[in-house]
Full PDB file with SEQRES, HELIX, SHEET, SSBOND, CRYST1, ORIGX, SCALE, CONECT and MASTER records, all heavy atoms in Angstrom:
SEQRES   1 A   40  GLU LEU VAL ALA VAL ARG ASN ALA LYS TRP ALA LYS ALA          
SEQRES   2 A   40  TRP LYS GLN HIS LEU ARG TRP LEU ARG ARG ARG GLY LEU          
SEQRES   3 A   40  ALA ASP GLY SER ALA GLU ASP LEU ASP LYS LYS THR PRO          
SEQRES   4 A   40  ASP                                                          
HELIX    1 AA1 ALA A    8  ARG A   23  1                                  16    
HELIX    2 AA2 ALA A   31  ASP A   35  1                                   5    
CRYST1    1.000    1.000    1.000  90.00  90.00  90.00 P 1           1          
ORIGX1      1.000000  0.000000  0.000000        0.00000                         
ORIGX2      0.000000  1.000000  0.000000        0.00000                         
ORIGX3      0.000000  0.000000  1.000000        0.00000                         
SCALE1      1.000000  0.000000  0.000000        0.00000                         
SCALE2      0.000000  1.000000  0.000000        0.00000                         
SCALE3      0.000000  0.000000  1.000000        0.00000                         
ATOM      1  N   GLU A   1       0.833  -1.182  -0.009  1.00  0.00           N  
ATOM      2  CA  GLU A   1       0.003   0.002  -0.023  1.00  0.00           C  
ATOM      3  C   GLU A   1       0.879   1.254   0.002  1.00  0.00           C  
ATOM      4  O   GLU A   1       1.786   1.380   0.801  1.00  0.00           O  
ATOM      5  CB  GLU A   1      -0.913  -0.003   1.207  1.00  0.00           C  
ATOM      6  CG  GLU A   1      -1.975  -1.084   1.155  1.00  0.00           C  
ATOM      7  CD  GLU A   1      -2.968  -1.008   2.269  1.00  0.00           C  
ATOM      8  OE1 GLU A   1      -2.769  -0.238   3.212  1.00  0.00           O  
ATOM      9  OE2 GLU A   1      -3.913  -1.754   2.204  1.00  0.00           O  
ATOM     10  N   LEU A   2       0.579   2.148  -0.921  1.00  0.00           N  
ATOM     11  CA  LEU A   2       1.303   3.403  -1.063  1.00  0.00           C  
ATOM     12  C   LEU A   2       0.336   4.529  -1.036  1.00  0.00           C  
ATOM     13  O   LEU A   2      -0.808   4.406  -1.422  1.00  0.00           O  
ATOM     14  CB  LEU A   2       2.089   3.406  -2.387  1.00  0.00           C  
ATOM     15  CG  LEU A   2       3.044   2.307  -2.630  1.00  0.00           C  
ATOM     16  CD1 LEU A   2       3.540   2.296  -4.070  1.00  0.00           C  
ATOM     17  CD2 LEU A   2       4.227   2.333  -1.678  1.00  0.00           C  
ATOM     18  N   VAL A   3       0.789   5.699  -0.594  1.00  0.00           N  
ATOM     19  CA  VAL A   3      -0.046   6.880  -0.592  1.00  0.00           C  
ATOM     20  C   VAL A   3       0.394   7.743  -1.804  1.00  0.00           C  
ATOM     21  O   VAL A   3       1.511   8.192  -1.868  1.00  0.00           O  
ATOM     22  CB  VAL A   3       0.095   7.717   0.696  1.00  0.00           C  
ATOM     23  CG1 VAL A   3      -0.760   8.953   0.654  1.00  0.00           C  
ATOM     24  CG2 VAL A   3      -0.342   6.850   1.886  1.00  0.00           C  
ATOM     25  N   ALA A   4      -0.556   7.906  -2.712  1.00  0.00           N  
ATOM     26  CA  ALA A   4      -0.274   8.765  -3.870  1.00  0.00           C  
ATOM     27  C   ALA A   4      -0.728  10.201  -3.571  1.00  0.00           C  
ATOM     28  O   ALA A   4      -1.857  10.411  -3.159  1.00  0.00           O  
ATOM     29  CB  ALA A   4      -1.078   8.216  -5.079  1.00  0.00           C  
ATOM     30  N   VAL A   5       0.133  11.129  -3.766  1.00  0.00           N  
ATOM     31  CA  VAL A   5      -0.166  12.538  -3.523  1.00  0.00           C  
ATOM     32  C   VAL A   5      -0.399  13.199  -4.857  1.00  0.00           C  
ATOM     33  O   VAL A   5       0.424  13.177  -5.775  1.00  0.00           O  
ATOM     34  CB  VAL A   5       0.993  13.232  -2.765  1.00  0.00           C  
ATOM     35  CG1 VAL A   5       0.650  14.692  -2.519  1.00  0.00           C  
ATOM     36  CG2 VAL A   5       1.279  12.522  -1.469  1.00  0.00           C  
ATOM     37  N   ARG A   6      -1.531  13.846  -4.995  1.00  0.00           N  
ATOM     38  CA  ARG A   6      -1.910  14.529  -6.220  1.00  0.00           C  
ATOM     39  C   ARG A   6      -1.373  15.965  -6.190  1.00  0.00           C  
ATOM     40  O   ARG A   6      -1.684  16.727  -5.266  1.00  0.00           O  
ATOM     41  CB  ARG A   6      -3.431  14.575  -6.378  1.00  0.00           C  
ATOM     42  CG  ARG A   6      -4.018  13.207  -6.407  1.00  0.00           C  
ATOM     43  CD  ARG A   6      -5.516  13.310  -6.378  1.00  0.00           C  
ATOM     44  NE  ARG A   6      -6.115  12.002  -6.236  1.00  0.00           N  
ATOM     45  CZ  ARG A   6      -7.348  11.791  -5.904  1.00  0.00           C  
ATOM     46  NH1 ARG A   6      -8.202  12.803  -5.728  1.00  0.00           N  
ATOM     47  NH2 ARG A   6      -7.837  10.583  -5.763  1.00  0.00           N  
ATOM     48  N   ASN A   7      -0.591  16.326  -7.119  1.00  0.00           N  
ATOM     49  CA  ASN A   7      -0.077  17.694  -7.224  1.00  0.00           C  
ATOM     50  C   ASN A   7      -0.769  18.462  -8.312  1.00  0.00           C  
ATOM     51  O   ASN A   7      -1.721  17.946  -8.948  1.00  0.00           O  
ATOM     52  CB  ASN A   7       1.447  17.705  -7.415  1.00  0.00           C  
ATOM     53  CG  ASN A   7       1.844  16.970  -8.672  1.00  0.00           C  
ATOM     54  OD1 ASN A   7       1.057  16.789  -9.602  1.00  0.00           O  
ATOM     55  ND2 ASN A   7       3.116  16.529  -8.701  1.00  0.00           N  
ATOM     56  N   ALA A   8      -0.345  19.673  -8.599  1.00  0.00           N  
ATOM     57  CA  ALA A   8      -1.014  20.531  -9.625  1.00  0.00           C  
ATOM     58  C   ALA A   8      -0.932  19.869 -11.005  1.00  0.00           C  
ATOM     59  O   ALA A   8      -1.890  19.942 -11.757  1.00  0.00           O  
ATOM     60  CB  ALA A   8      -0.392  21.884  -9.625  1.00  0.00           C  
ATOM     61  N   LYS A   9       0.175  19.246 -11.336  1.00  0.00           N  
ATOM     62  CA  LYS A   9       0.339  18.593 -12.634  1.00  0.00           C  
ATOM     63  C   LYS A   9      -0.679  17.443 -12.771  1.00  0.00           C  
ATOM     64  O   LYS A   9      -1.278  17.232 -13.832  1.00  0.00           O  
ATOM     65  CB  LYS A   9       1.791  18.120 -12.778  1.00  0.00           C  
ATOM     66  CG  LYS A   9       2.078  17.556 -14.146  1.00  0.00           C  
ATOM     67  CD  LYS A   9       3.563  17.148 -14.200  1.00  0.00           C  
ATOM     68  CE  LYS A   9       3.894  16.608 -15.557  1.00  0.00           C  
ATOM     69  NZ  LYS A   9       5.303  16.192 -15.651  1.00  0.00           N  
ATOM     70  N   TRP A  10      -0.834  16.705 -11.707  1.00  0.00           N  
ATOM     71  CA  TRP A  10      -1.769  15.576 -11.712  1.00  0.00           C  
ATOM     72  C   TRP A  10      -3.210  16.108 -11.923  1.00  0.00           C  
ATOM     73  O   TRP A  10      -3.991  15.559 -12.683  1.00  0.00           O  
ATOM     74  CB  TRP A  10      -1.734  14.796 -10.381  1.00  0.00           C  
ATOM     75  CG  TRP A  10      -2.701  13.659 -10.388  1.00  0.00           C  
ATOM     76  CD1 TRP A  10      -2.447  12.367 -10.758  1.00  0.00           C  
ATOM     77  CD2 TRP A  10      -4.052  13.722 -10.029  1.00  0.00           C  
ATOM     78  NE1 TRP A  10      -3.557  11.645 -10.631  1.00  0.00           N  
ATOM     79  CE2 TRP A  10      -4.576  12.430 -10.154  1.00  0.00           C  
ATOM     80  CE3 TRP A  10      -4.921  14.694  -9.539  1.00  0.00           C  
ATOM     81  CZ2 TRP A  10      -5.896  12.133  -9.893  1.00  0.00           C  
ATOM     82  CZ3 TRP A  10      -6.202  14.409  -9.282  1.00  0.00           C  
ATOM     83  CH2 TRP A  10      -6.720  13.121  -9.442  1.00  0.00           C  
ATOM     84  N   ALA A  11      -3.569  17.195 -11.222  1.00  0.00           N  
ATOM     85  CA  ALA A  11      -4.907  17.752 -11.311  1.00  0.00           C  
ATOM     86  C   ALA A  11      -5.200  18.194 -12.757  1.00  0.00           C  
ATOM     87  O   ALA A  11      -6.320  17.966 -13.222  1.00  0.00           O  
ATOM     88  CB  ALA A  11      -5.055  18.932 -10.345  1.00  0.00           C  
ATOM     89  N   LYS A  12      -4.240  18.824 -13.414  1.00  0.00           N  
ATOM     90  CA  LYS A  12      -4.448  19.238 -14.817  1.00  0.00           C  
ATOM     91  C   LYS A  12      -4.678  18.021 -15.706  1.00  0.00           C  
ATOM     92  O   LYS A  12      -5.602  18.034 -16.533  1.00  0.00           O  
ATOM     93  CB  LYS A  12      -3.267  20.059 -15.278  1.00  0.00           C  
ATOM     94  CG  LYS A  12      -3.401  20.545 -16.677  1.00  0.00           C  
ATOM     95  CD  LYS A  12      -2.177  21.389 -17.075  1.00  0.00           C  
ATOM     96  CE  LYS A  12      -2.302  21.838 -18.573  1.00  0.00           C  
ATOM     97  NZ  LYS A  12      -1.105  22.539 -18.966  1.00  0.00           N  
ATOM     98  N   ALA A  13      -3.878  17.014 -15.564  1.00  0.00           N  
ATOM     99  CA  ALA A  13      -4.029  15.776 -16.369  1.00  0.00           C  
ATOM    100  C   ALA A  13      -5.325  15.108 -16.073  1.00  0.00           C  
ATOM    101  O   ALA A  13      -6.006  14.614 -16.998  1.00  0.00           O  
ATOM    102  CB  ALA A  13      -2.857  14.851 -16.097  1.00  0.00           C  
ATOM    103  N   TRP A  14      -5.732  15.070 -14.807  1.00  0.00           N  
ATOM    104  CA  TRP A  14      -7.043  14.432 -14.434  1.00  0.00           C  
ATOM    105  C   TRP A  14      -8.205  15.147 -15.098  1.00  0.00           C  
ATOM    106  O   TRP A  14      -9.092  14.521 -15.605  1.00  0.00           O  
ATOM    107  CB  TRP A  14      -7.125  14.465 -12.907  1.00  0.00           C  
ATOM    108  CG  TRP A  14      -8.442  13.911 -12.368  1.00  0.00           C  
ATOM    109  CD1 TRP A  14      -9.395  14.592 -11.723  1.00  0.00           C  
ATOM    110  CD2 TRP A  14      -8.921  12.562 -12.459  1.00  0.00           C  
ATOM    111  NE1 TRP A  14     -10.418  13.765 -11.400  1.00  0.00           N  
ATOM    112  CE2 TRP A  14     -10.157  12.499 -11.798  1.00  0.00           C  
ATOM    113  CE3 TRP A  14      -8.399  11.391 -13.001  1.00  0.00           C  
ATOM    114  CZ2 TRP A  14     -10.910  11.352 -11.717  1.00  0.00           C  
ATOM    115  CZ3 TRP A  14      -9.177  10.228 -12.922  1.00  0.00           C  
ATOM    116  CH2 TRP A  14     -10.394  10.207 -12.250  1.00  0.00           C  
ATOM    117  N   LYS A  15      -8.199  16.483 -15.069  1.00  0.00           N  
ATOM    118  CA  LYS A  15      -9.289  17.229 -15.673  1.00  0.00           C  
ATOM    119  C   LYS A  15      -9.354  17.014 -17.157  1.00  0.00           C  
ATOM    120  O   LYS A  15     -10.420  16.873 -17.775  1.00  0.00           O  
ATOM    121  CB  LYS A  15      -9.192  18.708 -15.332  1.00  0.00           C  
ATOM    122  CG  LYS A  15      -9.538  18.955 -13.874  1.00  0.00           C  
ATOM    123  CD  LYS A  15      -9.428  20.374 -13.465  1.00  0.00           C  
ATOM    124  CE  LYS A  15      -9.721  20.518 -11.992  1.00  0.00           C  
ATOM    125  NZ  LYS A  15      -9.542  21.831 -11.453  1.00  0.00           N  
ATOM    126  N   GLN A  16      -8.197  16.981 -17.856  1.00  0.00           N  
ATOM    127  CA  GLN A  16      -8.160  16.674 -19.289  1.00  0.00           C  
ATOM    128  C   GLN A  16      -8.704  15.278 -19.550  1.00  0.00           C  
ATOM    129  O   GLN A  16      -9.505  15.084 -20.507  1.00  0.00           O  
ATOM    130  CB  GLN A  16      -6.722  16.781 -19.802  1.00  0.00           C  
ATOM    131  CG  GLN A  16      -6.220  18.198 -19.911  1.00  0.00           C  
ATOM    132  CD  GLN A  16      -4.749  18.245 -20.256  1.00  0.00           C  
ATOM    133  OE1 GLN A  16      -4.061  17.246 -20.249  1.00  0.00           O  
ATOM    134  NE2 GLN A  16      -4.291  19.453 -20.587  1.00  0.00           N  
ATOM    135  N   HIS A  17      -8.354  14.324 -18.728  1.00  0.00           N  
ATOM    136  CA  HIS A  17      -8.834  12.971 -18.890  1.00  0.00           C  
ATOM    137  C   HIS A  17     -10.377  12.927 -18.705  1.00  0.00           C  
ATOM    138  O   HIS A  17     -11.068  12.233 -19.447  1.00  0.00           O  
ATOM    139  CB  HIS A  17      -8.141  12.016 -17.916  1.00  0.00           C  
ATOM    140  CG  HIS A  17      -8.569  10.595 -18.037  1.00  0.00           C  
ATOM    141  ND1 HIS A  17      -8.302   9.844 -19.144  1.00  0.00           N  
ATOM    142  CD2 HIS A  17      -9.227   9.813 -17.167  1.00  0.00           C  
ATOM    143  CE1 HIS A  17      -8.779   8.640 -18.954  1.00  0.00           C  
ATOM    144  NE2 HIS A  17      -9.373   8.605 -17.748  1.00  0.00           N  
ATOM    145  N   LEU A  18     -10.887  13.630 -17.710  1.00  0.00           N  
ATOM    146  CA  LEU A  18     -12.347  13.640 -17.486  1.00  0.00           C  
ATOM    147  C   LEU A  18     -13.074  14.267 -18.673  1.00  0.00           C  
ATOM    148  O   LEU A  18     -14.149  13.761 -19.053  1.00  0.00           O  
ATOM    149  CB  LEU A  18     -12.667  14.418 -16.189  1.00  0.00           C  
ATOM    150  CG  LEU A  18     -12.391  13.678 -14.918  1.00  0.00           C  
ATOM    151  CD1 LEU A  18     -12.708  14.571 -13.735  1.00  0.00           C  
ATOM    152  CD2 LEU A  18     -13.211  12.370 -14.842  1.00  0.00           C  
ATOM    153  N   ARG A  19     -12.526  15.315 -19.240  1.00  0.00           N  
ATOM    154  CA  ARG A  19     -13.173  15.916 -20.414  1.00  0.00           C  
ATOM    155  C   ARG A  19     -13.194  14.911 -21.540  1.00  0.00           C  
ATOM    156  O   ARG A  19     -14.216  14.810 -22.239  1.00  0.00           O  
ATOM    157  CB  ARG A  19     -12.398  17.194 -20.835  1.00  0.00           C  
ATOM    158  CG  ARG A  19     -12.732  18.398 -19.978  1.00  0.00           C  
ATOM    159  CD  ARG A  19     -12.259  19.705 -20.615  1.00  0.00           C  
ATOM    160  NE  ARG A  19     -10.801  19.787 -20.769  1.00  0.00           N  
ATOM    161  CZ  ARG A  19     -10.009  20.272 -19.827  1.00  0.00           C  
ATOM    162  NH1 ARG A  19     -10.475  20.744 -18.731  1.00  0.00           N  
ATOM    163  NH2 ARG A  19      -8.704  20.292 -20.078  1.00  0.00           N  
ATOM    164  N   TRP A  20     -12.112  14.194 -21.724  1.00  0.00           N  
ATOM    165  CA  TRP A  20     -12.057  13.171 -22.784  1.00  0.00           C  
ATOM    166  C   TRP A  20     -13.108  12.099 -22.533  1.00  0.00           C  
ATOM    167  O   TRP A  20     -13.822  11.666 -23.449  1.00  0.00           O  
ATOM    168  CB  TRP A  20     -10.664  12.556 -22.780  1.00  0.00           C  
ATOM    169  CG  TRP A  20     -10.440  11.536 -23.833  1.00  0.00           C  
ATOM    170  CD1 TRP A  20     -10.060  11.732 -25.138  1.00  0.00           C  
ATOM    171  CD2 TRP A  20     -10.533  10.108 -23.674  1.00  0.00           C  
ATOM    172  NE1 TRP A  20      -9.947  10.521 -25.824  1.00  0.00           N  
ATOM    173  CE2 TRP A  20     -10.277   9.537 -24.910  1.00  0.00           C  
ATOM    174  CE3 TRP A  20     -10.887   9.287 -22.619  1.00  0.00           C  
ATOM    175  CZ2 TRP A  20     -10.252   8.157 -25.079  1.00  0.00           C  
ATOM    176  CZ3 TRP A  20     -10.879   7.943 -22.799  1.00  0.00           C  
ATOM    177  CH2 TRP A  20     -10.598   7.379 -24.047  1.00  0.00           C  
ATOM    178  N   LEU A  21     -13.257  11.646 -21.292  1.00  0.00           N  
ATOM    179  CA  LEU A  21     -14.235  10.616 -20.936  1.00  0.00           C  
ATOM    180  C   LEU A  21     -15.680  11.122 -21.167  1.00  0.00           C  
ATOM    181  O   LEU A  21     -16.540  10.411 -21.675  1.00  0.00           O  
ATOM    182  CB  LEU A  21     -14.088  10.173 -19.488  1.00  0.00           C  
ATOM    183  CG  LEU A  21     -12.869   9.331 -19.156  1.00  0.00           C  
ATOM    184  CD1 LEU A  21     -12.749   9.111 -17.645  1.00  0.00           C  
ATOM    185  CD2 LEU A  21     -12.916   7.995 -19.857  1.00  0.00           C  
ATOM    186  N   ARG A  22     -15.938  12.391 -20.780  1.00  0.00           N  
ATOM    187  CA  ARG A  22     -17.273  12.945 -20.919  1.00  0.00           C  
ATOM    188  C   ARG A  22     -17.661  13.074 -22.393  1.00  0.00           C  
ATOM    189  O   ARG A  22     -18.799  12.836 -22.742  1.00  0.00           O  
ATOM    190  CB  ARG A  22     -17.348  14.305 -20.248  1.00  0.00           C  
ATOM    191  CG  ARG A  22     -17.547  14.164 -18.770  1.00  0.00           C  
ATOM    192  CD  ARG A  22     -17.965  15.521 -18.140  1.00  0.00           C  
ATOM    193  NE  ARG A  22     -17.484  15.504 -16.750  1.00  0.00           N  
ATOM    194  CZ  ARG A  22     -16.393  16.119 -16.370  1.00  0.00           C  
ATOM    195  NH1 ARG A  22     -15.692  16.796 -17.222  1.00  0.00           N  
ATOM    196  NH2 ARG A  22     -16.039  16.012 -15.138  1.00  0.00           N  
ATOM    197  N   ARG A  23     -16.724  13.479 -23.242  1.00  0.00           N  
ATOM    198  CA  ARG A  23     -17.005  13.564 -24.664  1.00  0.00           C  
ATOM    199  C   ARG A  23     -17.427  12.220 -25.253  1.00  0.00           C  
ATOM    200  O   ARG A  23     -18.204  12.203 -26.222  1.00  0.00           O  
ATOM    201  CB  ARG A  23     -15.789  14.093 -25.413  1.00  0.00           C  
ATOM    202  CG  ARG A  23     -15.600  15.587 -25.297  1.00  0.00           C  
ATOM    203  CD  ARG A  23     -14.565  16.113 -26.273  1.00  0.00           C  
ATOM    204  NE  ARG A  23     -13.304  15.477 -26.054  1.00  0.00           N  
ATOM    205  CZ  ARG A  23     -12.195  16.062 -25.586  1.00  0.00           C  
ATOM    206  NH1 ARG A  23     -12.246  17.325 -25.279  1.00  0.00           N  
ATOM    207  NH2 ARG A  23     -11.063  15.384 -25.404  1.00  0.00           N  
ATOM    208  N   ARG A  24     -16.946  11.179 -24.681  1.00  0.00           N  
ATOM    209  CA  ARG A  24     -17.294   9.832 -25.141  1.00  0.00           C  
ATOM    210  C   ARG A  24     -18.454   9.197 -24.372  1.00  0.00           C  
ATOM    211  O   ARG A  24     -18.801   8.062 -24.567  1.00  0.00           O  
ATOM    212  CB  ARG A  24     -16.061   8.914 -25.075  1.00  0.00           C  
ATOM    213  CG  ARG A  24     -15.135   9.248 -26.209  1.00  0.00           C  
ATOM    214  CD  ARG A  24     -13.671   8.916 -25.851  1.00  0.00           C  
ATOM    215  NE  ARG A  24     -12.747   9.324 -26.908  1.00  0.00           N  
ATOM    216  CZ  ARG A  24     -12.323  10.572 -27.100  1.00  0.00           C  
ATOM    217  NH1 ARG A  24     -12.774  11.510 -26.336  1.00  0.00           N  
ATOM    218  NH2 ARG A  24     -11.469  10.837 -28.061  1.00  0.00           N  
ATOM    219  N   GLY A  25     -19.011   9.965 -23.414  1.00  0.00           N  
ATOM    220  CA  GLY A  25     -20.130   9.515 -22.636  1.00  0.00           C  
ATOM    221  C   GLY A  25     -19.738   8.462 -21.608  1.00  0.00           C  
ATOM    222  O   GLY A  25     -20.603   7.677 -21.184  1.00  0.00           O  
ATOM    223  N   LEU A  26     -18.502   8.421 -21.188  1.00  0.00           N  
ATOM    224  CA  LEU A  26     -18.045   7.402 -20.267  1.00  0.00           C  
ATOM    225  C   LEU A  26     -17.986   7.887 -18.834  1.00  0.00           C  
ATOM    226  O   LEU A  26     -17.716   7.103 -17.929  1.00  0.00           O  
ATOM    227  CB  LEU A  26     -16.664   6.914 -20.683  1.00  0.00           C  
ATOM    228  CG  LEU A  26     -16.562   6.314 -22.076  1.00  0.00           C  
ATOM    229  CD1 LEU A  26     -15.124   6.033 -22.432  1.00  0.00           C  
ATOM    230  CD2 LEU A  26     -17.408   5.026 -22.120  1.00  0.00           C  
ATOM    231  N   ALA A  27     -18.220   9.168 -18.584  1.00  0.00           N  
ATOM    232  CA  ALA A  27     -18.184   9.711 -17.215  1.00  0.00           C  
ATOM    233  C   ALA A  27     -19.197  10.799 -17.083  1.00  0.00           C  
ATOM    234  O   ALA A  27     -19.513  11.515 -18.063  1.00  0.00           O  
ATOM    235  CB  ALA A  27     -16.798  10.208 -16.894  1.00  0.00           C  
ATOM    236  N   ASP A  28     -19.745  10.906 -15.912  1.00  0.00           N  
ATOM    237  CA  ASP A  28     -20.628  12.065 -15.609  1.00  0.00           C  
ATOM    238  C   ASP A  28     -20.232  12.628 -14.250  1.00  0.00           C  
ATOM    239  O   ASP A  28     -19.447  12.070 -13.532  1.00  0.00           O  
ATOM    240  CB  ASP A  28     -22.106  11.643 -15.601  1.00  0.00           C  
ATOM    241  CG  ASP A  28     -22.401  10.504 -14.700  1.00  0.00           C  
ATOM    242  OD1 ASP A  28     -21.425   9.855 -14.223  1.00  0.00           O  
ATOM    243  OD2 ASP A  28     -23.535  10.214 -14.450  1.00  0.00           O  
ATOM    244  N   GLY A  29     -20.704  13.792 -13.887  1.00  0.00           N  
ATOM    245  CA  GLY A  29     -20.286  14.459 -12.644  1.00  0.00           C  
ATOM    246  C   GLY A  29     -19.114  15.350 -12.948  1.00  0.00           C  
ATOM    247  O   GLY A  29     -18.464  15.277 -13.942  1.00  0.00           O  
ATOM    248  N   SER A  30     -18.890  16.240 -11.980  1.00  0.00           N  
ATOM    249  CA  SER A  30     -17.806  17.182 -12.149  1.00  0.00           C  
ATOM    250  C   SER A  30     -16.464  16.536 -11.668  1.00  0.00           C  
ATOM    251  O   SER A  30     -16.455  15.583 -10.939  1.00  0.00           O  
ATOM    252  CB  SER A  30     -18.095  18.445 -11.344  1.00  0.00           C  
ATOM    253  OG  SER A  30     -18.041  18.167  -9.948  1.00  0.00           O  
ATOM    254  N   ALA A  31     -15.394  17.162 -12.028  1.00  0.00           N  
ATOM    255  CA  ALA A  31     -14.071  16.692 -11.605  1.00  0.00           C  
ATOM    256  C   ALA A  31     -13.967  16.803 -10.090  1.00  0.00           C  
ATOM    257  O   ALA A  31     -13.365  15.970  -9.432  1.00  0.00           O  
ATOM    258  CB  ALA A  31     -12.994  17.553 -12.270  1.00  0.00           C  
ATOM    259  N   GLU A  32     -14.566  17.855  -9.527  1.00  0.00           N  
ATOM    260  CA  GLU A  32     -14.483  18.010  -8.088  1.00  0.00           C  
ATOM    261  C   GLU A  32     -15.206  16.876  -7.369  1.00  0.00           C  
ATOM    262  O   GLU A  32     -14.735  16.382  -6.326  1.00  0.00           O  
ATOM    263  CB  GLU A  32     -15.094  19.363  -7.634  1.00  0.00           C  
ATOM    264  CG  GLU A  32     -14.289  20.578  -8.070  1.00  0.00           C  
ATOM    265  CD  GLU A  32     -14.447  20.891  -9.573  1.00  0.00           C  
ATOM    266  OE1 GLU A  32     -15.473  20.538 -10.187  1.00  0.00           O  
ATOM    267  OE2 GLU A  32     -13.535  21.525 -10.097  1.00  0.00           O  
ATOM    268  N   ASP A  33     -16.340  16.432  -7.875  1.00  0.00           N  
ATOM    269  CA  ASP A  33     -17.076  15.307  -7.258  1.00  0.00           C  
ATOM    270  C   ASP A  33     -16.234  14.041  -7.304  1.00  0.00           C  
ATOM    271  O   ASP A  33     -16.160  13.302  -6.347  1.00  0.00           O  
ATOM    272  CB  ASP A  33     -18.391  15.021  -8.010  1.00  0.00           C  
ATOM    273  CG  ASP A  33     -19.427  16.132  -7.805  1.00  0.00           C  
ATOM    274  OD1 ASP A  33     -19.244  16.902  -6.852  1.00  0.00           O  
ATOM    275  OD2 ASP A  33     -20.357  16.208  -8.635  1.00  0.00           O  
ATOM    276  N   LEU A  34     -15.607  13.790  -8.421  1.00  0.00           N  
ATOM    277  CA  LEU A  34     -14.769  12.561  -8.579  1.00  0.00           C  
ATOM    278  C   LEU A  34     -13.539  12.675  -7.741  1.00  0.00           C  
ATOM    279  O   LEU A  34     -13.028  11.656  -7.224  1.00  0.00           O  
ATOM    280  CB  LEU A  34     -14.455  12.280 -10.017  1.00  0.00           C  
ATOM    281  CG  LEU A  34     -15.677  11.936 -10.902  1.00  0.00           C  
ATOM    282  CD1 LEU A  34     -15.280  11.901 -12.362  1.00  0.00           C  
ATOM    283  CD2 LEU A  34     -16.274  10.637 -10.483  1.00  0.00           C  
ATOM    284  N   ASP A  35     -12.961  13.880  -7.557  1.00  0.00           N  
ATOM    285  CA  ASP A  35     -11.787  14.056  -6.747  1.00  0.00           C  
ATOM    286  C   ASP A  35     -12.005  13.707  -5.323  1.00  0.00           C  
ATOM    287  O   ASP A  35     -11.123  13.260  -4.638  1.00  0.00           O  
ATOM    288  CB  ASP A  35     -11.270  15.486  -6.879  1.00  0.00           C  
ATOM    289  CG  ASP A  35     -10.527  15.752  -8.174  1.00  0.00           C  
ATOM    290  OD1 ASP A  35     -10.129  14.753  -8.812  1.00  0.00           O  
ATOM    291  OD2 ASP A  35     -10.315  16.918  -8.467  1.00  0.00           O  
ATOM    292  N   LYS A  36     -13.175  13.983  -4.815  1.00  0.00           N  
ATOM    293  CA  LYS A  36     -13.508  13.797  -3.395  1.00  0.00           C  
ATOM    294  C   LYS A  36     -13.688  12.334  -3.040  1.00  0.00           C  
ATOM    295  O   LYS A  36     -13.676  11.985  -1.878  1.00  0.00           O  
ATOM    296  CB  LYS A  36     -14.739  14.571  -3.009  1.00  0.00           C  
ATOM    297  CG  LYS A  36     -14.477  16.084  -3.015  1.00  0.00           C  
ATOM    298  CD  LYS A  36     -15.692  16.858  -2.627  1.00  0.00           C  
ATOM    299  CE  LYS A  36     -15.385  18.352  -2.698  1.00  0.00           C  
ATOM    300  NZ  LYS A  36     -16.534  19.177  -2.384  1.00  0.00           N  
ATOM    301  N   LYS A  37     -13.854  11.485  -4.048  1.00  0.00           N  
ATOM    302  CA  LYS A  37     -14.063  10.060  -3.774  1.00  0.00           C  
ATOM    303  C   LYS A  37     -12.715   9.404  -3.540  1.00  0.00           C  
ATOM    304  O   LYS A  37     -11.927   9.278  -4.464  1.00  0.00           O  
ATOM    305  CB  LYS A  37     -14.805   9.408  -4.899  1.00  0.00           C  
ATOM    306  CG  LYS A  37     -16.193   9.944  -5.074  1.00  0.00           C  
ATOM    307  CD  LYS A  37     -16.889   9.256  -6.230  1.00  0.00           C  
ATOM    308  CE  LYS A  37     -18.269   9.852  -6.409  1.00  0.00           C  
ATOM    309  NZ  LYS A  37     -18.956   9.369  -7.602  1.00  0.00           N  
ATOM    310  N   THR A  38     -12.466   8.995  -2.292  1.00  0.00           N  
ATOM    311  CA  THR A  38     -11.189   8.298  -1.994  1.00  0.00           C  
ATOM    312  C   THR A  38     -11.451   6.820  -2.006  1.00  0.00           C  
ATOM    313  O   THR A  38     -12.361   6.348  -1.363  1.00  0.00           O  
ATOM    314  CB  THR A  38     -10.734   8.758  -0.569  1.00  0.00           C  
ATOM    315  OG1 THR A  38     -10.569  10.157  -0.560  1.00  0.00           O  
ATOM    316  CG2 THR A  38      -9.392   8.057  -0.208  1.00  0.00           C  
ATOM    317  N   PRO A  39     -10.664   6.068  -2.740  1.00  0.00           N  
ATOM    318  CA  PRO A  39     -10.900   4.663  -2.817  1.00  0.00           C  
ATOM    319  C   PRO A  39     -10.773   3.988  -1.477  1.00  0.00           C  
ATOM    320  O   PRO A  39      -9.894   4.321  -0.675  1.00  0.00           O  
ATOM    321  CB  PRO A  39      -9.747   4.152  -3.752  1.00  0.00           C  
ATOM    322  CG  PRO A  39      -9.228   5.346  -4.375  1.00  0.00           C  
ATOM    323  CD  PRO A  39      -9.523   6.521  -3.533  1.00  0.00           C  
ATOM    324  N   ASP A  40     -11.628   2.998  -1.189  1.00  0.00           N  
ATOM    325  CA  ASP A  40     -11.559   2.245   0.017  1.00  0.00           C  
ATOM    326  C   ASP A  40     -10.709   0.995  -0.256  1.00  0.00           C  
ATOM    327  O   ASP A  40     -11.052   0.145  -1.051  1.00  0.00           O  
ATOM    328  CB  ASP A  40     -12.950   1.793   0.476  1.00  0.00           C  
ATOM    329  CG  ASP A  40     -12.939   0.942   1.738  1.00  0.00           C  
ATOM    330  OD1 ASP A  40     -11.848   0.875   2.364  1.00  0.00           O  
ATOM    331  OD2 ASP A  40     -13.989   0.376   2.070  1.00  0.00           O  
TER     332      ASP A  40                                                      
MASTER        0    0    0    2    0    0    0    6  331    1    0    4          
END                                                                             
């Protein structure tokens, strides 16, 4: 188990990836909603 720390570069890449997913209808919700979900 490792702790991944998201920095500003990660946030930019994540938002670009979410836009790509939304254009293809593969994701819904805002980036902020998905960011708050911490995997169990």
